[in-house]
């Protein structure tokens, strides 16, 4: 089965997604939409896309489009995911799907009602390196997991970038910190308590966000994310018996991905099977549409991710830790002792 895909927006990330789609046998990019028809037509001609539309709504009316990929600004993710689902299209929405758990729950309620696939696009979760990290931890490569340390940051230099806009839900946590949160959840389960601090810019968005998360069995995670500081990509997993460093943990774009384990005074370098994260993500999406399996990042993962982000922002705004109560669900500030 070939999934005929429409893309809502000519966003920069398409330069990574479109080549991956061309390399994915299960995907055909049929249409592109922009807010301006002339721009969509130019983009379609440049990228060999058959159809172009001057509005997102017009693309959703195309009956030949089976599914859509949504790389719009964060604040538009839920709205257009819901509109696409109601129009009969499967949806792959760029991360983060939502800033609040209730928003994510509502979108998945619609997906289940209409019988369509909704998936959150964390491409790194499909890469063999990420899966190997989880497998090594499960096999006890560094003993019992104790601490996760992660960071992702870079400097946005373009004036007017949507990630600097509060109205469009920009900010460091939403843009890149969400990777650190997602990885911690992937290897440690759902956080029980979170604490966040942020440095805000003129528009009120978090330019730098630092968070601590507590998981079951006393596992802690510490992360930082920034959009006006030098580029940093870091992941260290500390266990009872050793440590694990992961090279290029988020983009997984290295020719030879590498995991370094230090244990008992010895160092072991493990290479990972190469993989194209964006292509693997699209293949997973297509497999879910065809009914072969559930999407790797479906309802449970996406709603819990939104819950963690919501709780972290609530903590940073209040200056106090936030208990999530039921796993993956925002709760309340812990009682002071």
C-alpha atoms as a PDB file:
ATOM      1  CA  UNK A   1       0.000   0.000   0.000  1.00  0.00           C
ATOM      2  CA  UNK A   2       1.272   3.446  -0.948  1.00  0.00           C
ATOM      3  CA  UNK A   3       0.188   6.326   1.266  1.00  0.00           C
ATOM      4  CA  UNK A   4      -0.433   9.519  -0.709  1.00  0.00           C
ATOM      5  CA  UNK A   5       0.814  12.312   1.520  1.00  0.00           C
ATOM      6  CA  UNK A   6      -0.027  15.994   1.643  1.00  0.00           C
ATOM      7  CA  UNK A   7       2.209  18.461   3.477  1.00  0.00           C
ATOM      8  CA  UNK A   8       0.703  21.454   5.273  1.00  0.00           C
ATOM      9  CA  UNK A   9       3.328  24.201   4.975  1.00  0.00           C
ATOM     10  CA  UNK A  10       6.620  24.802   3.218  1.00  0.00           C
ATOM     11  CA  UNK A  11       8.502  24.815   6.527  1.00  0.00           C
ATOM     12  CA  UNK A  12      12.283  24.390   6.615  1.00  0.00           C
ATOM     13  CA  UNK A  13      12.026  20.950   8.175  1.00  0.00           C
ATOM     14  CA  UNK A  14      10.569  19.727   4.884  1.00  0.00           C
ATOM     15  CA  UNK A  15      14.098  19.773   3.503  1.00  0.00           C
ATOM     16  CA  UNK A  16      14.760  16.786   5.739  1.00  0.00           C
ATOM     17  CA  UNK A  17      11.362  15.117   5.439  1.00  0.00           C
ATOM     18  CA  UNK A  18      10.852  15.256   1.668  1.00  0.00           C
ATOM     19  CA  UNK A  19      14.075  13.385   0.744  1.00  0.00           C
ATOM     20  CA  UNK A  20      13.144  10.789   3.358  1.00  0.00           C
ATOM     21  CA  UNK A  21       9.704  10.429   1.789  1.00  0.00           C
ATOM     22  CA  UNK A  22      11.274   9.917  -1.632  1.00  0.00           C
ATOM     23  CA  UNK A  23      13.387   7.114  -0.138  1.00  0.00           C
ATOM     24  CA  UNK A  24      10.369   5.503   1.553  1.00  0.00           C
ATOM     25  CA  UNK A  25       8.641   2.985  -0.714  1.00  0.00           C
ATOM     26  CA  UNK A  26       5.369   3.246   1.211  1.00  0.00           C
ATOM     27  CA  UNK A  27       5.026   7.040   0.825  1.00  0.00           C
ATOM     28  CA  UNK A  28       4.216   9.275  -2.160  1.00  0.00           C
ATOM     29  CA  UNK A  29       4.192  13.030  -1.576  1.00  0.00           C
ATOM     30  CA  UNK A  30       1.229  14.121  -3.675  1.00  0.00           C
ATOM     31  CA  UNK A  31       0.495  17.679  -2.555  1.00  0.00           C
ATOM     32  CA  UNK A  32       1.901  20.736  -0.791  1.00  0.00           C
ATOM     33  CA  UNK A  33      -0.016  23.649   0.716  1.00  0.00           C
ATOM     34  CA  UNK A  34       1.024  27.162   1.663  1.00  0.00           C
ATOM     35  CA  UNK A  35      -0.843  30.283   2.688  1.00  0.00           C
ATOM     36  CA  UNK A  36       0.038  31.705  -0.748  1.00  0.00           C
ATOM     37  CA  UNK A  37      -0.730  29.770  -3.939  1.00  0.00           C
ATOM     38  CA  UNK A  38       2.251  31.204  -5.834  1.00  0.00           C
ATOM     39  CA  UNK A  39       4.601  30.050  -3.084  1.00  0.00           C
ATOM     40  CA  UNK A  40       3.060  26.582  -3.072  1.00  0.00           C
ATOM     41  CA  UNK A  41       3.358  26.348  -6.854  1.00  0.00           C
ATOM     42  CA  UNK A  42       7.033  27.359  -6.792  1.00  0.00           C
ATOM     43  CA  UNK A  43       7.746  24.923  -4.006  1.00  0.00           C
ATOM     44  CA  UNK A  44       5.959  22.086  -5.800  1.00  0.00           C
ATOM     45  CA  UNK A  45       7.915  22.742  -8.988  1.00  0.00           C
ATOM     46  CA  UNK A  46      11.223  22.821  -7.116  1.00  0.00           C
ATOM     47  CA  UNK A  47      10.531  19.560  -5.294  1.00  0.00           C
ATOM     48  CA  UNK A  48       8.698  17.573  -7.954  1.00  0.00           C
ATOM     49  CA  UNK A  49       5.347  17.562  -6.138  1.00  0.00           C
ATOM     50  CA  UNK A  50       2.320  17.054  -8.366  1.00  0.00           C
ATOM     51  CA  UNK A  51      -0.272  19.283  -6.678  1.00  0.00           C
ATOM     52  CA  UNK A  52      -0.123  22.634  -4.895  1.00  0.00           C
ATOM     53  CA  UNK A  53      -2.702  24.558  -2.880  1.00  0.00           C
ATOM     54  CA  UNK A  54      -2.955  28.139  -1.654  1.00  0.00           C
ATOM     55  CA  UNK A  55      -4.506  27.170   1.679  1.00  0.00           C
ATOM     56  CA  UNK A  56      -4.278  24.264   4.083  1.00  0.00           C
ATOM     57  CA  UNK A  57      -8.046  23.774   3.922  1.00  0.00           C
ATOM     58  CA  UNK A  58      -7.906  23.348   0.144  1.00  0.00           C
ATOM     59  CA  UNK A  59      -5.407  20.518   0.453  1.00  0.00           C
ATOM     60  CA  UNK A  60      -7.655  18.756   2.961  1.00  0.00           C
ATOM     61  CA  UNK A  61     -10.424  18.775   0.349  1.00  0.00           C
ATOM     62  CA  UNK A  62      -8.294  16.699  -2.049  1.00  0.00           C
ATOM     63  CA  UNK A  63      -9.858  13.235  -1.960  1.00  0.00           C
ATOM     64  CA  UNK A  64      -6.718  11.622  -3.346  1.00  0.00           C
ATOM     65  CA  UNK A  65      -4.687  12.626  -0.294  1.00  0.00           C
ATOM     66  CA  UNK A  66      -4.678   9.809   2.261  1.00  0.00           C
ATOM     67  CA  UNK A  67      -2.667  11.470   5.012  1.00  0.00           C
ATOM     68  CA  UNK A  68      -0.997  14.728   5.949  1.00  0.00           C
ATOM     69  CA  UNK A  69       2.255  15.723   7.579  1.00  0.00           C
ATOM     70  CA  UNK A  70       1.949  18.869   9.735  1.00  0.00           C
ATOM     71  CA  UNK A  71       5.133  20.934  10.322  1.00  0.00           C
ATOM     72  CA  UNK A  72       3.258  24.140  11.236  1.00  0.00           C
ATOM     73  CA  UNK A  73       4.160  26.330  14.252  1.00  0.00           C
ATOM     74  CA  UNK A  74       3.417  24.624  17.566  1.00  0.00           C
ATOM     75  CA  UNK A  75       0.261  26.590  18.342  1.00  0.00           C
ATOM     76  CA  UNK A  76      -1.354  25.286  15.140  1.00  0.00           C
ATOM     77  CA  UNK A  77      -0.593  21.592  15.649  1.00  0.00           C
ATOM     78  CA  UNK A  78      -3.786  20.615  17.431  1.00  0.00           C
ATOM     79  CA  UNK A  79      -6.113  22.756  15.307  1.00  0.00           C
ATOM     80  CA  UNK A  80      -4.893  21.394  11.993  1.00  0.00           C
ATOM     81  CA  UNK A  81      -4.499  17.838  13.268  1.00  0.00           C
ATOM     82  CA  UNK A  82      -8.152  17.889  14.267  1.00  0.00           C
ATOM     83  CA  UNK A  83      -9.250  19.522  11.020  1.00  0.00           C
ATOM     84  CA  UNK A  84      -7.299  16.959   8.998  1.00  0.00           C
ATOM     85  CA  UNK A  85      -8.775  14.051  10.949  1.00  0.00           C
ATOM     86  CA  UNK A  86     -12.292  15.415  10.495  1.00  0.00           C
ATOM     87  CA  UNK A  87     -11.535  15.689   6.761  1.00  0.00           C
ATOM     88  CA  UNK A  88     -10.692  11.981   6.656  1.00  0.00           C
ATOM     89  CA  UNK A  89      -6.893  12.210   6.638  1.00  0.00           C
ATOM     90  CA  UNK A  90      -4.428  10.289   8.760  1.00  0.00           C
ATOM     91  CA  UNK A  91      -2.051  12.668  10.574  1.00  0.00           C
ATOM     92  CA  UNK A  92       1.655  12.713  11.308  1.00  0.00           C
ATOM     93  CA  UNK A  93       2.150  15.882  13.367  1.00  0.00           C
ATOM     94  CA  UNK A  94       5.576  17.329  14.025  1.00  0.00           C
ATOM     95  CA  UNK A  95       6.649  17.378  17.656  1.00  0.00           C
ATOM     96  CA  UNK A  96       5.438  18.545  20.055  1.00  0.00           C
ATOM     97  CA  UNK A  97       1.844  17.616  19.304  1.00  0.00           C
ATOM     98  CA  UNK A  98       0.514  19.616  22.238  1.00  0.00           C
ATOM     99  CA  UNK A  99       1.530  21.756  25.199  1.00  0.00           C
ATOM    100  CA  UNK A 100      -1.283  20.404  27.392  1.00  0.00           C
ATOM    101  CA  UNK A 101      -2.525  16.878  27.987  1.00  0.00           C
ATOM    102  CA  UNK A 102      -6.185  17.786  27.480  1.00  0.00           C
ATOM    103  CA  UNK A 103      -5.410  19.063  23.978  1.00  0.00           C
ATOM    104  CA  UNK A 104      -3.689  15.811  23.041  1.00  0.00           C
ATOM    105  CA  UNK A 105      -6.489  13.722  24.533  1.00  0.00           C
ATOM    106  CA  UNK A 106      -9.060  15.660  22.518  1.00  0.00           C
ATOM    107  CA  UNK A 107      -7.182  15.119  19.259  1.00  0.00           C
ATOM    108  CA  UNK A 108      -6.861  11.380  19.883  1.00  0.00           C
ATOM    109  CA  UNK A 109     -10.541  11.184  20.783  1.00  0.00           C
ATOM    110  CA  UNK A 110     -11.291  12.475  17.291  1.00  0.00           C
ATOM    111  CA  UNK A 111      -8.804  10.069  15.690  1.00  0.00           C
ATOM    112  CA  UNK A 112     -10.429   7.117  17.424  1.00  0.00           C
ATOM    113  CA  UNK A 113     -13.932   8.294  16.561  1.00  0.00           C
ATOM    114  CA  UNK A 114     -13.135   8.569  12.845  1.00  0.00           C
ATOM    115  CA  UNK A 115     -10.897   5.485  12.804  1.00  0.00           C
ATOM    116  CA  UNK A 116      -7.712   7.195  11.604  1.00  0.00           C
ATOM    117  CA  UNK A 117      -4.064   7.240  12.660  1.00  0.00           C
ATOM    118  CA  UNK A 118      -2.639  10.172  14.611  1.00  0.00           C
ATOM    119  CA  UNK A 119       1.075  10.052  15.451  1.00  0.00           C
ATOM    120  CA  UNK A 120       3.562  12.476  16.966  1.00  0.00           C
ATOM    121  CA  UNK A 121       6.735  12.976  14.925  1.00  0.00           C
ATOM    122  CA  UNK A 122       9.715  12.364  17.198  1.00  0.00           C
ATOM    123  CA  UNK A 123      11.904  10.962  14.439  1.00  0.00           C
ATOM    124  CA  UNK A 124      14.871  10.072  16.711  1.00  0.00           C
ATOM    125  CA  UNK A 125      12.707   7.436  18.439  1.00  0.00           C
ATOM    126  CA  UNK A 126      12.757   5.390  15.232  1.00  0.00           C
ATOM    127  CA  UNK A 127      16.545   5.388  14.845  1.00  0.00           C
ATOM    128  CA  UNK A 128      18.454   2.149  15.605  1.00  0.00           C
ATOM    129  CA  UNK A 129      20.726   4.061  17.996  1.00  0.00           C
ATOM    130  CA  UNK A 130      17.812   5.080  20.231  1.00  0.00           C
ATOM    131  CA  UNK A 131      16.427   1.556  20.225  1.00  0.00           C
ATOM    132  CA  UNK A 132      19.866   0.138  21.049  1.00  0.00           C
ATOM    133  CA  UNK A 133      20.180   2.475  24.031  1.00  0.00           C
ATOM    134  CA  UNK A 134      16.897   1.167  25.413  1.00  0.00           C
ATOM    135  CA  UNK A 135      17.946  -2.429  24.756  1.00  0.00           C
ATOM    136  CA  UNK A 136      21.322  -1.981  26.462  1.00  0.00           C
ATOM    137  CA  UNK A 137      19.689  -0.470  29.523  1.00  0.00           C
ATOM    138  CA  UNK A 138      17.231  -3.351  29.661  1.00  0.00           C
ATOM    139  CA  UNK A 139      20.095  -5.828  29.482  1.00  0.00           C
ATOM    140  CA  UNK A 140      21.828  -4.195  32.450  1.00  0.00           C
ATOM    141  CA  UNK A 141      24.777  -2.775  30.518  1.00  0.00           C
ATOM    142  CA  UNK A 142      25.336  -0.116  33.202  1.00  0.00           C
ATOM    143  CA  UNK A 143      23.429  -1.766  36.041  1.00  0.00           C
ATOM    144  CA  UNK A 144      20.273  -0.146  37.373  1.00  0.00           C
ATOM    145  CA  UNK A 145      19.549   3.235  35.850  1.00  0.00           C
ATOM    146  CA  UNK A 146      20.079   6.058  38.370  1.00  0.00           C
ATOM    147  CA  UNK A 147      20.469   9.336  36.479  1.00  0.00           C
ATOM    148  CA  UNK A 148      19.738  10.783  33.033  1.00  0.00           C
ATOM    149  CA  UNK A 149      21.567  13.941  31.944  1.00  0.00           C
ATOM    150  CA  UNK A 150      20.577  15.527  28.650  1.00  0.00           C
ATOM    151  CA  UNK A 151      20.818  18.802  26.781  1.00  0.00           C
ATOM    152  CA  UNK A 152      19.983  20.278  23.424  1.00  0.00           C
ATOM    153  CA  UNK A 153      20.551  23.866  22.458  1.00  0.00           C
ATOM    154  CA  UNK A 154      21.474  26.186  19.593  1.00  0.00           C
ATOM    155  CA  UNK A 155      21.186  29.840  18.649  1.00  0.00           C
ATOM    156  CA  UNK A 156      18.321  31.100  16.499  1.00  0.00           C
ATOM    157  CA  UNK A 157      19.746  33.952  14.428  1.00  0.00           C
ATOM    158  CA  UNK A 158      16.849  34.768  12.107  1.00  0.00           C
ATOM    159  CA  UNK A 159      14.728  37.730  13.200  1.00  0.00           C
ATOM    160  CA  UNK A 160      11.027  36.974  13.430  1.00  0.00           C
ATOM    161  CA  UNK A 161      11.541  33.209  13.793  1.00  0.00           C
ATOM    162  CA  UNK A 162       8.276  31.603  14.951  1.00  0.00           C
ATOM    163  CA  UNK A 163      10.144  29.924  17.805  1.00  0.00           C
ATOM    164  CA  UNK A 164      10.541  33.358  19.391  1.00  0.00           C
ATOM    165  CA  UNK A 165       6.759  33.872  19.418  1.00  0.00           C
ATOM    166  CA  UNK A 166       4.722  33.248  22.542  1.00  0.00           C
ATOM    167  CA  UNK A 167       1.473  33.325  20.541  1.00  0.00           C
ATOM    168  CA  UNK A 168       2.787  30.490  18.371  1.00  0.00           C
ATOM    169  CA  UNK A 169       4.006  28.524  21.429  1.00  0.00           C
ATOM    170  CA  UNK A 170       7.682  28.908  20.726  1.00  0.00           C
ATOM    171  CA  UNK A 171      10.365  28.519  23.353  1.00  0.00           C
ATOM    172  CA  UNK A 172      13.236  26.232  24.247  1.00  0.00           C
ATOM    173  CA  UNK A 173      11.234  23.508  25.997  1.00  0.00           C
ATOM    174  CA  UNK A 174       8.722  23.181  23.181  1.00  0.00           C
ATOM    175  CA  UNK A 175      11.326  23.291  20.414  1.00  0.00           C
ATOM    176  CA  UNK A 176      14.255  21.222  21.684  1.00  0.00           C
ATOM    177  CA  UNK A 177      13.772  20.464  25.368  1.00  0.00           C
ATOM    178  CA  UNK A 178      10.916  18.183  24.402  1.00  0.00           C
ATOM    179  CA  UNK A 179      13.525  15.735  23.039  1.00  0.00           C
ATOM    180  CA  UNK A 180      15.212  15.521  26.442  1.00  0.00           C
ATOM    181  CA  UNK A 181      11.861  14.988  28.152  1.00  0.00           C
ATOM    182  CA  UNK A 182      10.830  12.373  25.616  1.00  0.00           C
ATOM    183  CA  UNK A 183      14.049  10.377  25.931  1.00  0.00           C
ATOM    184  CA  UNK A 184      13.862  10.359  29.728  1.00  0.00           C
ATOM    185  CA  UNK A 185      10.303   9.070  29.544  1.00  0.00           C
ATOM    186  CA  UNK A 186      11.290   6.463  26.949  1.00  0.00           C
ATOM    187  CA  UNK A 187      13.927   4.881  29.170  1.00  0.00           C
ATOM    188  CA  UNK A 188      12.548   5.561  32.670  1.00  0.00           C
ATOM    189  CA  UNK A 189       8.753   5.546  32.346  1.00  0.00           C
ATOM    190  CA  UNK A 190       6.506   8.432  33.336  1.00  0.00           C
ATOM    191  CA  UNK A 191       7.728  11.118  35.764  1.00  0.00           C
ATOM    192  CA  UNK A 192       6.199  11.339  39.210  1.00  0.00           C
ATOM    193  CA  UNK A 193       7.427  14.851  40.003  1.00  0.00           C
ATOM    194  CA  UNK A 194       9.012  17.638  37.945  1.00  0.00           C
ATOM    195  CA  UNK A 195      10.667  20.949  38.651  1.00  0.00           C
ATOM    196  CA  UNK A 196      11.454  23.586  36.037  1.00  0.00           C
ATOM    197  CA  UNK A 197      13.282  26.888  35.816  1.00  0.00           C
ATOM    198  CA  UNK A 198      13.344  29.216  32.837  1.00  0.00           C
ATOM    199  CA  UNK A 199      14.974  32.393  31.547  1.00  0.00           C
ATOM    200  CA  UNK A 200      12.446  34.328  29.521  1.00  0.00           C
ATOM    201  CA  UNK A 201      12.830  36.666  26.573  1.00  0.00           C
ATOM    202  CA  UNK A 202      10.991  39.867  25.707  1.00  0.00           C
ATOM    203  CA  UNK A 203       7.942  38.010  24.399  1.00  0.00           C
ATOM    204  CA  UNK A 204       7.711  35.867  27.516  1.00  0.00           C
ATOM    205  CA  UNK A 205       8.953  32.660  25.931  1.00  0.00           C
ATOM    206  CA  UNK A 206      11.588  30.503  27.575  1.00  0.00           C
ATOM    207  CA  UNK A 207      14.936  31.140  25.902  1.00  0.00           C
ATOM    208  CA  UNK A 208      16.583  28.710  28.307  1.00  0.00           C
ATOM    209  CA  UNK A 209      14.800  25.977  30.234  1.00  0.00           C
ATOM    210  CA  UNK A 210      16.269  23.694  32.874  1.00  0.00           C
ATOM    211  CA  UNK A 211      14.316  20.816  34.357  1.00  0.00           C
ATOM    212  CA  UNK A 212      14.547  17.994  36.866  1.00  0.00           C
ATOM    213  CA  UNK A 213      12.260  14.970  36.733  1.00  0.00           C
ATOM    214  CA  UNK A 214      11.842  12.192  39.288  1.00  0.00           C
ATOM    215  CA  UNK A 215      10.764   8.720  38.174  1.00  0.00           C
ATOM    216  CA  UNK A 216       9.905   5.485  39.941  1.00  0.00           C
ATOM    217  CA  UNK A 217      12.726   3.596  41.666  1.00  0.00           C
ATOM    218  CA  UNK A 218      14.442   6.908  42.483  1.00  0.00           C
ATOM    219  CA  UNK A 219      15.606   7.562  38.912  1.00  0.00           C
ATOM    220  CA  UNK A 220      16.365  11.246  38.333  1.00  0.00           C
ATOM    221  CA  UNK A 221      16.665  13.172  35.081  1.00  0.00           C
ATOM    222  CA  UNK A 222      18.256  16.580  34.609  1.00  0.00           C
ATOM    223  CA  UNK A 223      18.102  18.476  31.338  1.00  0.00           C
ATOM    224  CA  UNK A 224      18.587  21.893  29.825  1.00  0.00           C
ATOM    225  CA  UNK A 225      17.493  23.349  26.507  1.00  0.00           C
ATOM    226  CA  UNK A 226      18.175  26.704  24.904  1.00  0.00           C
ATOM    227  CA  UNK A 227      17.563  28.684  21.733  1.00  0.00           C
ATOM    228  CA  UNK A 228      19.974  31.588  22.319  1.00  0.00           C
ATOM    229  CA  UNK A 229      23.068  29.738  23.528  1.00  0.00           C
ATOM    230  CA  UNK A 230      25.783  27.766  21.682  1.00  0.00           C
ATOM    231  CA  UNK A 231      24.964  24.419  20.101  1.00  0.00           C
ATOM    232  CA  UNK A 232      25.044  21.538  22.549  1.00  0.00           C
ATOM    233  CA  UNK A 233      23.857  17.951  22.115  1.00  0.00           C
ATOM    234  CA  UNK A 234      24.440  15.694  25.073  1.00  0.00           C
ATOM    235  CA  UNK A 235      23.068  12.495  26.570  1.00  0.00           C
ATOM    236  CA  UNK A 236      24.591  10.604  29.488  1.00  0.00           C
ATOM    237  CA  UNK A 237      22.960   7.718  31.309  1.00  0.00           C
ATOM    238  CA  UNK A 238      24.372   6.858  34.718  1.00  0.00           C
ATOM    239  CA  UNK A 239      23.743   3.460  36.248  1.00  0.00           C
ATOM    240  CA  UNK A 240      24.680   1.680  39.452  1.00  0.00           C
ATOM    241  CA  UNK A 241      27.621  -0.016  37.712  1.00  0.00           C
ATOM    242  CA  UNK A 242      28.640   2.269  34.849  1.00  0.00           C
ATOM    243  CA  UNK A 243      27.845   5.109  32.478  1.00  0.00           C
ATOM    244  CA  UNK A 244      26.648   5.382  28.890  1.00  0.00           C
ATOM    245  CA  UNK A 245      27.359   8.336  26.583  1.00  0.00           C
ATOM    246  CA  UNK A 246      25.369   8.659  23.363  1.00  0.00           C
ATOM    247  CA  UNK A 247      26.879  10.542  20.435  1.00  0.00           C
ATOM    248  CA  UNK A 248      24.519  12.786  18.435  1.00  0.00           C
ATOM    249  CA  UNK A 249      21.480  11.537  20.395  1.00  0.00           C
ATOM    250  CA  UNK A 250      18.731  13.621  18.792  1.00  0.00           C
ATOM    251  CA  UNK A 251      19.457  13.977  15.081  1.00  0.00           C
ATOM    252  CA  UNK A 252      21.274  10.612  14.857  1.00  0.00           C
ATOM    253  CA  UNK A 253      22.817  11.953  11.680  1.00  0.00           C
ATOM    254  CA  UNK A 254      26.348  10.675  12.108  1.00  0.00           C
ATOM    255  CA  UNK A 255      27.641   8.300   9.477  1.00  0.00           C
ATOM    256  CA  UNK A 256      28.523   5.864  12.262  1.00  0.00           C
ATOM    257  CA  UNK A 257      26.406   6.369  15.395  1.00  0.00           C
ATOM    258  CA  UNK A 258      28.310   5.626  18.567  1.00  0.00           C
ATOM    259  CA  UNK A 259      27.514   4.588  22.126  1.00  0.00           C
ATOM    260  CA  UNK A 260      30.284   4.599  24.756  1.00  0.00           C
ATOM    261  CA  UNK A 261      29.981   2.474  27.898  1.00  0.00           C
ATOM    262  CA  UNK A 262      32.356   2.881  30.841  1.00  0.00           C
ATOM    263  CA  UNK A 263      32.234   0.162  33.472  1.00  0.00           C
ATOM    264  CA  UNK A 264      34.696  -1.434  35.895  1.00  0.00           C
ATOM    265  CA  UNK A 265      37.525   0.800  34.687  1.00  0.00           C
ATOM    266  CA  UNK A 266      37.040  -0.261  31.055  1.00  0.00           C
ATOM    267  CA  UNK A 267      35.664   1.661  28.081  1.00  0.00           C
ATOM    268  CA  UNK A 268      33.669   0.045  25.276  1.00  0.00           C
ATOM    269  CA  UNK A 269      32.672   1.826  22.055  1.00  0.00           C
ATOM    270  CA  UNK A 270      29.627   0.368  20.322  1.00  0.00           C
ATOM    271  CA  UNK A 271      28.697   1.327  16.787  1.00  0.00           C
ATOM    272  CA  UNK A 272      25.047   1.357  15.845  1.00  0.00           C
ATOM    273  CA  UNK A 273      23.420   0.182  12.663  1.00  0.00           C
ATOM    274  CA  UNK A 274      23.048   3.205  10.368  1.00  0.00           C
ATOM    275  CA  UNK A 275      19.519   4.390   9.841  1.00  0.00           C
ATOM    276  CA  UNK A 276      17.603   7.296   8.340  1.00  0.00           C
ATOM    277  CA  UNK A 277      15.381   8.479  11.173  1.00  0.00           C
ATOM    278  CA  UNK A 278      12.942  10.463   9.032  1.00  0.00           C
ATOM    279  CA  UNK A 279      12.496   7.616   6.554  1.00  0.00           C
ATOM    280  CA  UNK A 280      11.969   5.113   9.357  1.00  0.00           C
ATOM    281  CA  UNK A 281       9.403   7.429  10.941  1.00  0.00           C
ATOM    282  CA  UNK A 282       7.453   7.656   7.678  1.00  0.00           C
ATOM    283  CA  UNK A 283       7.630   3.893   7.199  1.00  0.00           C
ATOM    284  CA  UNK A 284       6.205   3.399  10.708  1.00  0.00           C
ATOM    285  CA  UNK A 285       3.392   5.858   9.923  1.00  0.00           C
ATOM    286  CA  UNK A 286       2.572   4.028   6.685  1.00  0.00           C
ATOM    287  CA  UNK A 287       2.594   0.662   8.459  1.00  0.00           C
ATOM    288  CA  UNK A 288       0.119   1.976  11.023  1.00  0.00           C
ATOM    289  CA  UNK A 289      -2.163   3.270   8.270  1.00  0.00           C
ATOM    290  CA  UNK A 290      -2.094  -0.098   6.508  1.00  0.00           C
ATOM    291  CA  UNK A 291      -3.026  -1.847   9.755  1.00  0.00           C
ATOM    292  CA  UNK A 292       0.245  -3.740  10.171  1.00  0.00           C
ATOM    293  CA  UNK A 293       0.857  -2.374  13.689  1.00  0.00           C
ATOM    294  CA  UNK A 294       0.130   0.495  16.013  1.00  0.00           C
ATOM    295  CA  UNK A 295       2.279   3.621  15.497  1.00  0.00           C
ATOM    296  CA  UNK A 296       5.376   3.698  17.678  1.00  0.00           C
ATOM    297  CA  UNK A 297       4.275   7.040  19.129  1.00  0.00           C
ATOM    298  CA  UNK A 298       0.525   6.778  19.531  1.00  0.00           C
ATOM    299  CA  UNK A 299      -1.968   8.003  22.062  1.00  0.00           C
ATOM    300  CA  UNK A 300      -0.378   6.846  25.314  1.00  0.00           C
ATOM    301  CA  UNK A 301       3.023   8.281  24.496  1.00  0.00           C
ATOM    302  CA  UNK A 302       1.813  11.587  23.047  1.00  0.00           C
ATOM    303  CA  UNK A 303      -0.615  12.374  25.845  1.00  0.00           C
ATOM    304  CA  UNK A 304       1.959  11.566  28.528  1.00  0.00           C
ATOM    305  CA  UNK A 305       4.515  13.725  26.720  1.00  0.00           C
ATOM    306  CA  UNK A 306       2.086  16.657  26.733  1.00  0.00           C
ATOM    307  CA  UNK A 307       1.394  16.055  30.425  1.00  0.00           C
ATOM    308  CA  UNK A 308       5.099  16.269  31.262  1.00  0.00           C
ATOM    309  CA  UNK A 309       5.555  19.487  29.276  1.00  0.00           C
ATOM    310  CA  UNK A 310       2.472  20.988  30.908  1.00  0.00           C
ATOM    311  CA  UNK A 311       3.749  20.135  34.380  1.00  0.00           C
ATOM    312  CA  UNK A 312       7.230  21.510  33.676  1.00  0.00           C
ATOM    313  CA  UNK A 313       5.824  24.841  32.532  1.00  0.00           C
ATOM    314  CA  UNK A 314       3.489  24.938  35.543  1.00  0.00           C
ATOM    315  CA  UNK A 315       6.472  24.402  37.818  1.00  0.00           C
ATOM    316  CA  UNK A 316       8.580  27.063  36.127  1.00  0.00           C
ATOM    317  CA  UNK A 317       5.711  29.552  36.330  1.00  0.00           C
ATOM    318  CA  UNK A 318       5.032  28.870  40.026  1.00  0.00           C
ATOM    319  CA  UNK A 319       8.600  28.317  41.198  1.00  0.00           C
ATOM    320  CA  UNK A 320       7.593  25.046  42.876  1.00  0.00           C
ATOM    321  CA  UNK A 321       7.799  21.324  42.036  1.00  0.00           C
ATOM    322  CA  UNK A 322       4.706  19.725  40.509  1.00  0.00           C
ATOM    323  CA  UNK A 323       3.526  16.195  41.273  1.00  0.00           C
ATOM    324  CA  UNK A 324       1.991  14.399  38.318  1.00  0.00           C
ATOM    325  CA  UNK A 325      -0.112  12.094  40.482  1.00  0.00           C
ATOM    326  CA  UNK A 326      -1.472   9.379  38.229  1.00  0.00           C
ATOM    327  CA  UNK A 327       1.378   8.396  35.869  1.00  0.00           C
ATOM    328  CA  UNK A 328       1.592  10.830  32.989  1.00  0.00           C
ATOM    329  CA  UNK A 329      -1.133  13.135  34.301  1.00  0.00           C
ATOM    330  CA  UNK A 330      -0.478  16.618  35.699  1.00  0.00           C
ATOM    331  CA  UNK A 331      -1.364  16.813  39.366  1.00  0.00           C
ATOM    332  CA  UNK A 332      -0.617  19.494  41.876  1.00  0.00           C
ATOM    333  CA  UNK A 333       2.172  21.134  43.756  1.00  0.00           C
ATOM    334  CA  UNK A 334       3.455  18.878  46.555  1.00  0.00           C
ATOM    335  CA  UNK A 335       2.613  19.850  50.097  1.00  0.00           C
ATOM    336  CA  UNK A 336       5.310  21.882  51.813  1.00  0.00           C
ATOM    337  CA  UNK A 337       7.016  20.267  54.778  1.00  0.00           C
END
